[in-house]
Amino acid sequence: MLDVQSSLRIGPRKTLYAQADYNYLGYGTGNPQQRLGLGTGFGGSRWELRVGAARSKSYELPAGVNLWSGFVEAQALLTPRWQAGTFLTLGQPGQQQIGLRISHRIPGRNSGGACGCARCR
């Protein structure tokens, strides 16, 4: 299955930031396709916490099912480029999820890389 995600973050990762995600998922009506949330890096620690709203794919959902639900996500920076995290999606029974995720940061063109320094966070 194909699962591609893109994110736009506004604000410093170490204090408070807003994040918008778009997911192209090849499976599951309950999987969040868009997310809007706020996050913090707890002053520059290796931990992050994000909370917000997630919108499910809008095809073939039963009548009366709300496309929006809440989510909570926590991540830990394992190395300068690798992260591990867990997420919880709340909402209708078909939207509730819990999962684990491992991700890799791709360095930005002008950032000098995701080195883990205060500038890259």
N, C-alpha and C. Protein backbone atom coordinates (compact mmCIF):
# COMPACT_ATOMS: atom_id res chain seq x y z
N MET A 1 0.83 -1.19 0.00
CA MET A 1 0.00 0.00 0.00
C MET A 1 0.87 1.25 0.00
N LEU A 2 0.38 2.29 -0.58
CA LEU A 2 1.08 3.55 -0.67
C LEU A 2 0.61 4.46 0.45
N ASP A 3 1.56 5.03 1.19
CA ASP A 3 1.26 5.95 2.28
C ASP A 3 2.29 7.07 2.23
N VAL A 4 1.90 8.23 1.72
CA VAL A 4 2.79 9.37 1.57
C VAL A 4 2.22 10.51 2.40
N GLN A 5 3.09 11.19 3.15
CA GLN A 5 2.66 12.29 3.99
C GLN A 5 3.53 13.51 3.74
N SER A 6 2.91 14.68 3.72
CA SER A 6 3.65 15.94 3.67
C SER A 6 3.16 16.82 4.81
N SER A 7 4.07 17.62 5.35
CA SER A 7 3.74 18.46 6.50
C SER A 7 4.28 19.87 6.29
N LEU A 8 3.56 20.83 6.84
CA LEU A 8 4.01 22.22 6.88
C LEU A 8 3.95 22.65 8.34
N ARG A 9 5.10 23.09 8.85
CA ARG A 9 5.18 23.52 10.24
C ARG A 9 5.52 25.00 10.27
N ILE A 10 4.82 25.76 11.11
CA ILE A 10 5.08 27.19 11.29
C ILE A 10 5.39 27.41 12.76
N GLY A 11 6.57 27.95 13.01
CA GLY A 11 7.00 28.23 14.37
C GLY A 11 8.14 27.31 14.77
N PRO A 12 8.84 27.67 15.84
CA PRO A 12 10.00 26.89 16.29
C PRO A 12 9.58 25.57 16.95
N ARG A 13 10.20 24.49 16.52
CA ARG A 13 9.90 23.16 17.04
C ARG A 13 10.10 23.08 18.56
N LYS A 14 11.07 23.79 19.09
CA LYS A 14 11.38 23.62 20.51
C LYS A 14 10.39 24.30 21.46
N THR A 15 9.61 25.27 20.96
CA THR A 15 8.65 25.94 21.86
C THR A 15 7.22 25.60 21.49
N LEU A 16 6.64 26.33 20.54
CA LEU A 16 5.25 26.11 20.14
C LEU A 16 5.15 26.31 18.64
N TYR A 17 4.51 25.38 17.96
CA TYR A 17 4.36 25.47 16.51
C TYR A 17 3.00 24.96 16.09
N ALA A 18 2.59 25.40 14.91
CA ALA A 18 1.37 24.90 14.27
C ALA A 18 1.82 23.98 13.13
N GLN A 19 1.06 22.91 12.92
CA GLN A 19 1.43 21.98 11.86
C GLN A 19 0.18 21.55 11.10
N ALA A 20 0.32 21.49 9.78
CA ALA A 20 -0.73 20.98 8.90
C ALA A 20 -0.14 19.80 8.13
N ASP A 21 -0.86 18.69 8.09
CA ASP A 21 -0.41 17.48 7.40
C ASP A 21 -1.41 17.10 6.33
N TYR A 22 -0.90 16.59 5.22
CA TYR A 22 -1.74 15.99 4.20
C TYR A 22 -1.21 14.59 3.95
N ASN A 23 -2.08 13.61 4.01
CA ASN A 23 -1.71 12.22 3.80
C ASN A 23 -2.40 11.68 2.58
N TYR A 24 -1.65 10.99 1.75
CA TYR A 24 -2.25 10.23 0.66
C TYR A 24 -2.16 8.77 1.08
N LEU A 25 -3.28 8.20 1.44
CA LEU A 25 -3.31 6.84 1.95
C LEU A 25 -4.04 5.95 0.96
N GLY A 26 -3.47 4.81 0.70
CA GLY A 26 -4.09 3.88 -0.23
C GLY A 26 -5.02 2.89 0.44
N TYR A 27 -5.40 3.13 1.67
CA TYR A 27 -6.23 2.17 2.39
C TYR A 27 -7.02 2.85 3.50
N GLY A 28 -8.12 2.28 3.88
CA GLY A 28 -8.85 2.64 5.09
C GLY A 28 -9.60 3.96 5.06
N THR A 29 -10.91 3.91 5.20
CA THR A 29 -11.70 5.14 5.22
C THR A 29 -11.49 5.93 6.49
N GLY A 30 -11.13 5.29 7.58
CA GLY A 30 -10.99 6.01 8.84
C GLY A 30 -9.64 6.67 9.02
N ASN A 31 -8.68 6.40 8.15
CA ASN A 31 -7.35 6.99 8.29
C ASN A 31 -7.40 8.49 8.01
N PRO A 32 -6.73 9.29 8.85
CA PRO A 32 -6.79 10.74 8.66
C PRO A 32 -6.08 11.17 7.37
N GLN A 33 -6.78 11.96 6.57
CA GLN A 33 -6.18 12.47 5.35
C GLN A 33 -5.57 13.85 5.58
N GLN A 34 -6.19 14.66 6.41
CA GLN A 34 -5.64 15.96 6.77
C GLN A 34 -5.64 16.07 8.29
N ARG A 35 -4.61 16.78 8.82
CA ARG A 35 -4.54 17.05 10.25
C ARG A 35 -4.11 18.49 10.46
N LEU A 36 -4.68 19.12 11.46
CA LEU A 36 -4.29 20.45 11.91
C LEU A 36 -4.03 20.36 13.39
N GLY A 37 -2.87 20.86 13.83
CA GLY A 37 -2.58 20.73 15.25
C GLY A 37 -1.56 21.72 15.75
N LEU A 38 -1.37 21.69 17.05
CA LEU A 38 -0.34 22.47 17.74
C LEU A 38 0.62 21.49 18.40
N GLY A 39 1.88 21.89 18.46
CA GLY A 39 2.88 21.02 19.07
C GLY A 39 3.92 21.80 19.84
N THR A 40 4.68 21.08 20.64
CA THR A 40 5.78 21.66 21.40
C THR A 40 6.93 20.67 21.49
N GLY A 41 8.12 21.21 21.57
CA GLY A 41 9.33 20.40 21.77
C GLY A 41 9.85 20.53 23.19
N PHE A 42 9.03 21.05 24.09
CA PHE A 42 9.37 21.18 25.51
C PHE A 42 10.70 21.88 25.73
N GLY A 43 10.90 23.01 25.04
CA GLY A 43 12.10 23.81 25.24
C GLY A 43 13.35 23.26 24.58
N GLY A 44 13.22 22.37 23.64
CA GLY A 44 14.39 21.84 22.94
C GLY A 44 14.80 20.46 23.37
N SER A 45 13.94 19.75 24.07
CA SER A 45 14.28 18.38 24.49
C SER A 45 14.16 17.43 23.30
N ARG A 46 14.42 16.18 23.53
CA ARG A 46 14.30 15.16 22.47
C ARG A 46 12.85 14.75 22.25
N TRP A 47 11.92 15.27 23.04
CA TRP A 47 10.51 14.87 22.98
C TRP A 47 9.66 15.94 22.31
N GLU A 48 8.60 15.50 21.65
CA GLU A 48 7.60 16.41 21.06
C GLU A 48 6.21 15.87 21.39
N LEU A 49 5.27 16.78 21.50
CA LEU A 49 3.86 16.42 21.71
C LEU A 49 3.03 17.27 20.78
N ARG A 50 2.08 16.64 20.05
CA ARG A 50 1.16 17.33 19.16
C ARG A 50 -0.26 16.91 19.48
N VAL A 51 -1.18 17.87 19.43
CA VAL A 51 -2.61 17.60 19.60
C VAL A 51 -3.36 18.40 18.55
N GLY A 52 -4.52 17.90 18.14
CA GLY A 52 -5.29 18.65 17.16
C GLY A 52 -6.47 17.88 16.63
N ALA A 53 -6.87 18.24 15.41
CA ALA A 53 -8.02 17.64 14.75
C ALA A 53 -7.56 16.95 13.47
N ALA A 54 -8.17 15.81 13.19
CA ALA A 54 -7.87 15.03 11.99
C ALA A 54 -9.16 14.85 11.19
N ARG A 55 -9.04 14.89 9.88
CA ARG A 55 -10.19 14.71 9.00
C ARG A 55 -9.99 13.43 8.19
N SER A 56 -10.97 12.55 8.23
CA SER A 56 -10.90 11.28 7.50
C SER A 56 -11.15 11.49 6.02
N LYS A 57 -10.81 10.48 5.26
CA LYS A 57 -11.17 10.49 3.84
C LYS A 57 -12.68 10.62 3.74
N SER A 58 -13.14 11.28 2.69
CA SER A 58 -14.57 11.61 2.62
C SER A 58 -15.36 10.71 1.70
N TYR A 59 -14.88 9.53 1.38
CA TYR A 59 -15.65 8.68 0.49
C TYR A 59 -16.41 7.60 1.25
N GLU A 60 -17.61 7.33 0.83
CA GLU A 60 -18.40 6.18 1.29
C GLU A 60 -18.49 6.02 2.81
N LEU A 61 -18.58 7.09 3.56
CA LEU A 61 -18.77 6.97 5.00
C LEU A 61 -20.26 6.87 5.29
N PRO A 62 -20.65 6.13 6.30
CA PRO A 62 -22.07 6.00 6.65
C PRO A 62 -22.68 7.37 7.00
N ALA A 63 -23.94 7.51 6.75
CA ALA A 63 -24.64 8.75 7.07
C ALA A 63 -24.51 9.06 8.56
N GLY A 64 -24.30 10.31 8.87
CA GLY A 64 -24.20 10.74 10.25
C GLY A 64 -22.82 10.61 10.87
N VAL A 65 -21.85 10.06 10.14
CA VAL A 65 -20.49 9.93 10.67
C VAL A 65 -19.75 11.23 10.43
N ASN A 66 -19.22 11.80 11.48
CA ASN A 66 -18.45 13.03 11.40
C ASN A 66 -17.07 12.71 10.84
N LEU A 67 -16.62 13.50 9.87
CA LEU A 67 -15.29 13.28 9.28
C LEU A 67 -14.17 13.73 10.20
N TRP A 68 -14.48 14.56 11.19
CA TRP A 68 -13.44 15.12 12.07
C TRP A 68 -13.33 14.34 13.37
N SER A 69 -12.12 14.21 13.86
CA SER A 69 -11.85 13.57 15.15
C SER A 69 -10.62 14.23 15.76
N GLY A 70 -10.33 13.92 17.00
CA GLY A 70 -9.15 14.46 17.66
C GLY A 70 -7.98 13.49 17.56
N PHE A 71 -6.76 14.02 17.77
CA PHE A 71 -5.59 13.15 17.81
C PHE A 71 -4.58 13.67 18.82
N VAL A 72 -3.77 12.76 19.31
CA VAL A 72 -2.63 13.05 20.19
C VAL A 72 -1.46 12.27 19.64
N GLU A 73 -0.30 12.91 19.56
CA GLU A 73 0.89 12.24 19.04
C GLU A 73 2.10 12.66 19.86
N ALA A 74 2.94 11.69 20.22
CA ALA A 74 4.18 11.95 20.94
C ALA A 74 5.33 11.33 20.15
N GLN A 75 6.44 12.06 20.07
CA GLN A 75 7.61 11.57 19.34
C GLN A 75 8.87 11.80 20.16
N ALA A 76 9.87 10.95 19.91
CA ALA A 76 11.18 11.09 20.53
C ALA A 76 12.23 11.09 19.43
N LEU A 77 13.19 11.99 19.53
CA LEU A 77 14.29 12.07 18.59
C LEU A 77 15.35 11.05 19.02
N LEU A 78 15.52 10.00 18.21
CA LEU A 78 16.47 8.93 18.55
C LEU A 78 17.89 9.31 18.15
N THR A 79 18.03 9.86 16.96
CA THR A 79 19.30 10.37 16.44
C THR A 79 18.98 11.70 15.78
N PRO A 80 19.96 12.41 15.25
CA PRO A 80 19.63 13.69 14.61
C PRO A 80 18.62 13.58 13.46
N ARG A 81 18.49 12.43 12.82
CA ARG A 81 17.55 12.30 11.70
C ARG A 81 16.43 11.30 11.93
N TRP A 82 16.53 10.43 12.90
CA TRP A 82 15.51 9.39 13.11
C TRP A 82 14.65 9.70 14.32
N GLN A 83 13.33 9.49 14.16
CA GLN A 83 12.36 9.69 15.23
C GLN A 83 11.50 8.43 15.38
N ALA A 84 11.03 8.20 16.59
CA ALA A 84 10.04 7.16 16.85
C ALA A 84 8.91 7.81 17.62
N GLY A 85 7.70 7.36 17.36
CA GLY A 85 6.57 7.98 18.04
C GLY A 85 5.36 7.07 18.08
N THR A 86 4.37 7.56 18.78
CA THR A 86 3.09 6.86 18.88
C THR A 86 1.98 7.88 18.68
N PHE A 87 0.83 7.43 18.18
CA PHE A 87 -0.29 8.34 17.99
C PHE A 87 -1.58 7.65 18.39
N LEU A 88 -2.55 8.46 18.73
CA LEU A 88 -3.88 8.00 19.11
C LEU A 88 -4.88 8.91 18.40
N THR A 89 -5.76 8.31 17.60
CA THR A 89 -6.82 9.05 16.92
C THR A 89 -8.14 8.68 17.59
N LEU A 90 -8.88 9.70 18.00
CA LEU A 90 -10.16 9.53 18.69
C LEU A 90 -11.28 9.81 17.71
N GLY A 91 -12.48 9.46 18.03
CA GLY A 91 -13.62 9.78 17.17
C GLY A 91 -14.58 8.62 17.08
N GLN A 92 -15.24 8.50 15.92
CA GLN A 92 -16.17 7.41 15.68
C GLN A 92 -15.44 6.07 15.76
N PRO A 93 -16.13 4.98 16.05
CA PRO A 93 -15.46 3.67 16.15
C PRO A 93 -14.61 3.31 14.93
N GLY A 94 -15.04 3.70 13.73
CA GLY A 94 -14.27 3.41 12.54
C GLY A 94 -13.05 4.30 12.35
N GLN A 95 -12.91 5.33 13.18
CA GLN A 95 -11.79 6.27 13.08
C GLN A 95 -10.76 6.09 14.19
N GLN A 96 -11.10 5.38 15.23
CA GLN A 96 -10.20 5.24 16.37
C GLN A 96 -9.00 4.39 15.99
N GLN A 97 -7.81 4.90 16.29
CA GLN A 97 -6.58 4.19 15.97
C GLN A 97 -5.54 4.44 17.04
N ILE A 98 -4.62 3.52 17.15
CA ILE A 98 -3.41 3.71 17.94
C ILE A 98 -2.30 3.09 17.11
N GLY A 99 -1.16 3.72 17.10
CA GLY A 99 -0.10 3.19 16.26
C GLY A 99 1.27 3.66 16.66
N LEU A 100 2.26 3.03 16.07
CA LEU A 100 3.66 3.38 16.25
C LEU A 100 4.19 3.83 14.90
N ARG A 101 5.13 4.76 14.92
CA ARG A 101 5.69 5.29 13.68
C ARG A 101 7.19 5.52 13.86
N ILE A 102 7.94 5.18 12.84
CA ILE A 102 9.36 5.52 12.76
C ILE A 102 9.51 6.41 11.54
N SER A 103 10.20 7.54 11.69
CA SER A 103 10.34 8.47 10.57
C SER A 103 11.78 8.97 10.44
N HIS A 104 12.08 9.46 9.25
CA HIS A 104 13.40 9.98 8.92
C HIS A 104 13.24 11.40 8.41
N ARG A 105 14.01 12.33 8.95
CA ARG A 105 13.95 13.73 8.51
C ARG A 105 14.87 13.92 7.31
N ILE A 106 14.35 14.55 6.28
CA ILE A 106 15.15 14.91 5.11
C ILE A 106 15.65 16.33 5.34
N PRO A 107 16.96 16.55 5.27
CA PRO A 107 17.49 17.89 5.55
C PRO A 107 16.99 18.92 4.55
N GLY A 108 16.71 20.11 5.04
CA GLY A 108 16.31 21.21 4.18
C GLY A 108 17.49 21.75 3.38
N ARG A 109 17.19 22.43 2.29
CA ARG A 109 18.25 22.91 1.41
C ARG A 109 19.15 23.93 2.10
N ASN A 110 18.59 24.83 2.90
CA ASN A 110 19.37 25.88 3.54
C ASN A 110 19.66 25.63 5.01
N SER A 111 19.17 24.52 5.54
CA SER A 111 19.32 24.29 6.97
C SER A 111 20.65 23.66 7.34
N GLY A 112 21.37 23.13 6.36
CA GLY A 112 22.61 22.45 6.68
C GLY A 112 22.35 21.05 7.20
N GLY A 113 21.12 20.59 7.17
CA GLY A 113 20.79 19.24 7.61
C GLY A 113 20.05 19.23 8.90
N ALA A 114 19.41 18.13 9.16
CA ALA A 114 18.68 17.95 10.41
C ALA A 114 19.66 17.42 11.44
N CYS A 115 20.47 18.33 11.94
CA CYS A 115 21.58 17.91 12.82
C CYS A 115 21.18 17.80 14.27
N GLY A 116 20.01 18.27 14.62
CA GLY A 116 19.58 18.22 16.01
C GLY A 116 19.92 19.47 16.78
N CYS A 117 20.57 20.43 16.15
CA CYS A 117 20.92 21.67 16.86
C CYS A 117 19.67 22.54 17.03
N ALA A 118 19.78 23.60 17.81
CA ALA A 118 18.65 24.47 18.07
C ALA A 118 18.11 25.09 16.78
N ARG A 119 18.96 25.35 15.81
CA ARG A 119 18.53 25.94 14.54
C ARG A 119 17.63 25.01 13.75
N CYS A 120 17.94 23.70 13.76
CA CYS A 120 17.17 22.74 12.98
C CYS A 120 15.87 22.35 13.68
N ARG A 121 15.76 22.59 14.94
CA ARG A 121 14.54 22.22 15.67
C ARG A 121 13.52 23.27 15.49
